[in-house]
Amino acid sequence: MRKNLADVDKVKVKLANGNTRTIQHTGASGFWSPDGNPISAAFGAPDTRRQLLEGLEKKSYGIE
């Protein structure tokens, strides 16, 4: 189940100068083709998405 951002745990850190900071972990992944273009741009178009997924499956990268 995916959590809402409001439900994600945050950590409060007290700094040496007495200030407090709240930190929340975030992450992102990006994938680029050999020519430097983001793969997500190609993934947005149904034809190129199908080609990409079929190519990955032929190279033993399953759908999951």
C-alpha atoms as a PDB file:
ATOM      1  CA  MET A   1       0.000   0.000   0.000  1.00  0.00           C
ATOM      2  CA  ARG A   2       1.335   3.435  -0.906  1.00  0.00           C
ATOM      3  CA  LYS A   3       1.461   6.081   1.807  1.00  0.00           C
ATOM      4  CA  ASN A   4       0.421   9.687   1.428  1.00  0.00           C
ATOM      5  CA  LEU A   5       3.233  12.184   1.925  1.00  0.00           C
ATOM      6  CA  ALA A   6       1.463  13.421   5.039  1.00  0.00           C
ATOM      7  CA  ASP A   7       1.636   9.903   6.520  1.00  0.00           C
ATOM      8  CA  VAL A   8       5.383   9.432   5.937  1.00  0.00           C
ATOM      9  CA  ASP A   9       7.566   9.463   9.029  1.00  0.00           C
ATOM     10  CA  LYS A  10       9.807  12.461   9.527  1.00  0.00           C
ATOM     11  CA  VAL A  11      12.881  12.812  11.709  1.00  0.00           C
ATOM     12  CA  LYS A  12      13.548  15.876  13.837  1.00  0.00           C
ATOM     13  CA  VAL A  13      17.213  16.786  14.275  1.00  0.00           C
ATOM     14  CA  LYS A  14      18.424  19.288  16.846  1.00  0.00           C
ATOM     15  CA  LEU A  15      21.501  21.119  15.588  1.00  0.00           C
ATOM     16  CA  ALA A  16      24.439  22.254  17.713  1.00  0.00           C
ATOM     17  CA  ASN A  17      23.249  25.860  17.491  1.00  0.00           C
ATOM     18  CA  GLY A  18      19.876  24.886  19.014  1.00  0.00           C
ATOM     19  CA  ASN A  19      17.868  25.017  15.780  1.00  0.00           C
ATOM     20  CA  THR A  20      15.670  22.065  14.905  1.00  0.00           C
ATOM     21  CA  ARG A  21      15.256  20.664  11.398  1.00  0.00           C
ATOM     22  CA  THR A  22      12.671  18.160  10.175  1.00  0.00           C
ATOM     23  CA  ILE A  23      13.963  15.706   7.577  1.00  0.00           C
ATOM     24  CA  GLN A  24      11.914  13.447   5.319  1.00  0.00           C
ATOM     25  CA  HIS A  25      13.489  10.882   3.012  1.00  0.00           C
ATOM     26  CA  THR A  26      12.668  11.220  -0.683  1.00  0.00           C
ATOM     27  CA  GLY A  27      14.062   9.410  -3.671  1.00  0.00           C
ATOM     28  CA  ALA A  28      13.843   9.392  -7.423  1.00  0.00           C
ATOM     29  CA  SER A  29      15.223   7.290 -10.237  1.00  0.00           C
ATOM     30  CA  GLY A  30      16.104   8.422 -13.718  1.00  0.00           C
ATOM     31  CA  PHE A  31      17.112   6.447 -16.764  1.00  0.00           C
ATOM     32  CA  TRP A  32      18.893   7.778 -19.828  1.00  0.00           C
ATOM     33  CA  SER A  33      19.551   6.257 -23.222  1.00  0.00           C
ATOM     34  CA  PRO A  34      23.126   6.046 -24.564  1.00  0.00           C
ATOM     35  CA  ASP A  35      22.562   9.284 -26.507  1.00  0.00           C
ATOM     36  CA  GLY A  36      21.706  11.160 -23.300  1.00  0.00           C
ATOM     37  CA  ASN A  37      17.929  11.450 -23.664  1.00  0.00           C
ATOM     38  CA  PRO A  38      15.671  10.500 -20.758  1.00  0.00           C
ATOM     39  CA  ILE A  39      13.988   7.167 -21.408  1.00  0.00           C
ATOM     40  CA  SER A  40      10.773   8.465 -19.828  1.00  0.00           C
ATOM     41  CA  ALA A  41      10.278  10.676 -22.887  1.00  0.00           C
ATOM     42  CA  ALA A  42      10.132   7.558 -25.072  1.00  0.00           C
ATOM     43  CA  PHE A  43       8.105   5.662 -22.476  1.00  0.00           C
ATOM     44  CA  GLY A  44       5.268   8.185 -22.723  1.00  0.00           C
ATOM     45  CA  ALA A  45       4.458   7.201 -26.322  1.00  0.00           C
ATOM     46  CA  PRO A  46       2.585   3.871 -26.620  1.00  0.00           C
ATOM     47  CA  ASP A  47       4.577   2.635 -29.653  1.00  0.00           C
ATOM     48  CA  THR A  48       7.999   3.312 -28.167  1.00  0.00           C
ATOM     49  CA  ARG A  49       6.869   2.010 -24.774  1.00  0.00           C
ATOM     50  CA  ARG A  50       5.834  -1.308 -26.361  1.00  0.00           C
ATOM     51  CA  GLN A  51       9.158  -1.531 -28.238  1.00  0.00           C
ATOM     52  CA  LEU A  52      11.107  -0.797 -25.068  1.00  0.00           C
ATOM     53  CA  LEU A  53       9.224  -3.391 -23.006  1.00  0.00           C
ATOM     54  CA  GLU A  54       9.536  -6.036 -25.733  1.00  0.00           C
ATOM     55  CA  GLY A  55      13.270  -5.336 -26.058  1.00  0.00           C
ATOM     56  CA  LEU A  56      13.768  -5.632 -22.312  1.00  0.00           C
ATOM     57  CA  GLU A  57      11.815  -8.882 -22.217  1.00  0.00           C
ATOM     58  CA  LYS A  58      13.996 -10.351 -25.006  1.00  0.00           C
ATOM     59  CA  LYS A  59      17.034  -9.500 -22.862  1.00  0.00           C
ATOM     60  CA  SER A  60      15.537 -11.469 -19.928  1.00  0.00           C
ATOM     61  CA  TYR A  61      14.137  -8.471 -18.052  1.00  0.00           C
ATOM     62  CA  GLY A  62      10.599  -9.592 -17.264  1.00  0.00           C
ATOM     63  CA  ILE A  63       7.525  -7.401 -17.018  1.00  0.00           C
ATOM     64  CA  GLU A  64       7.716  -7.437 -13.225  1.00  0.00           C
END
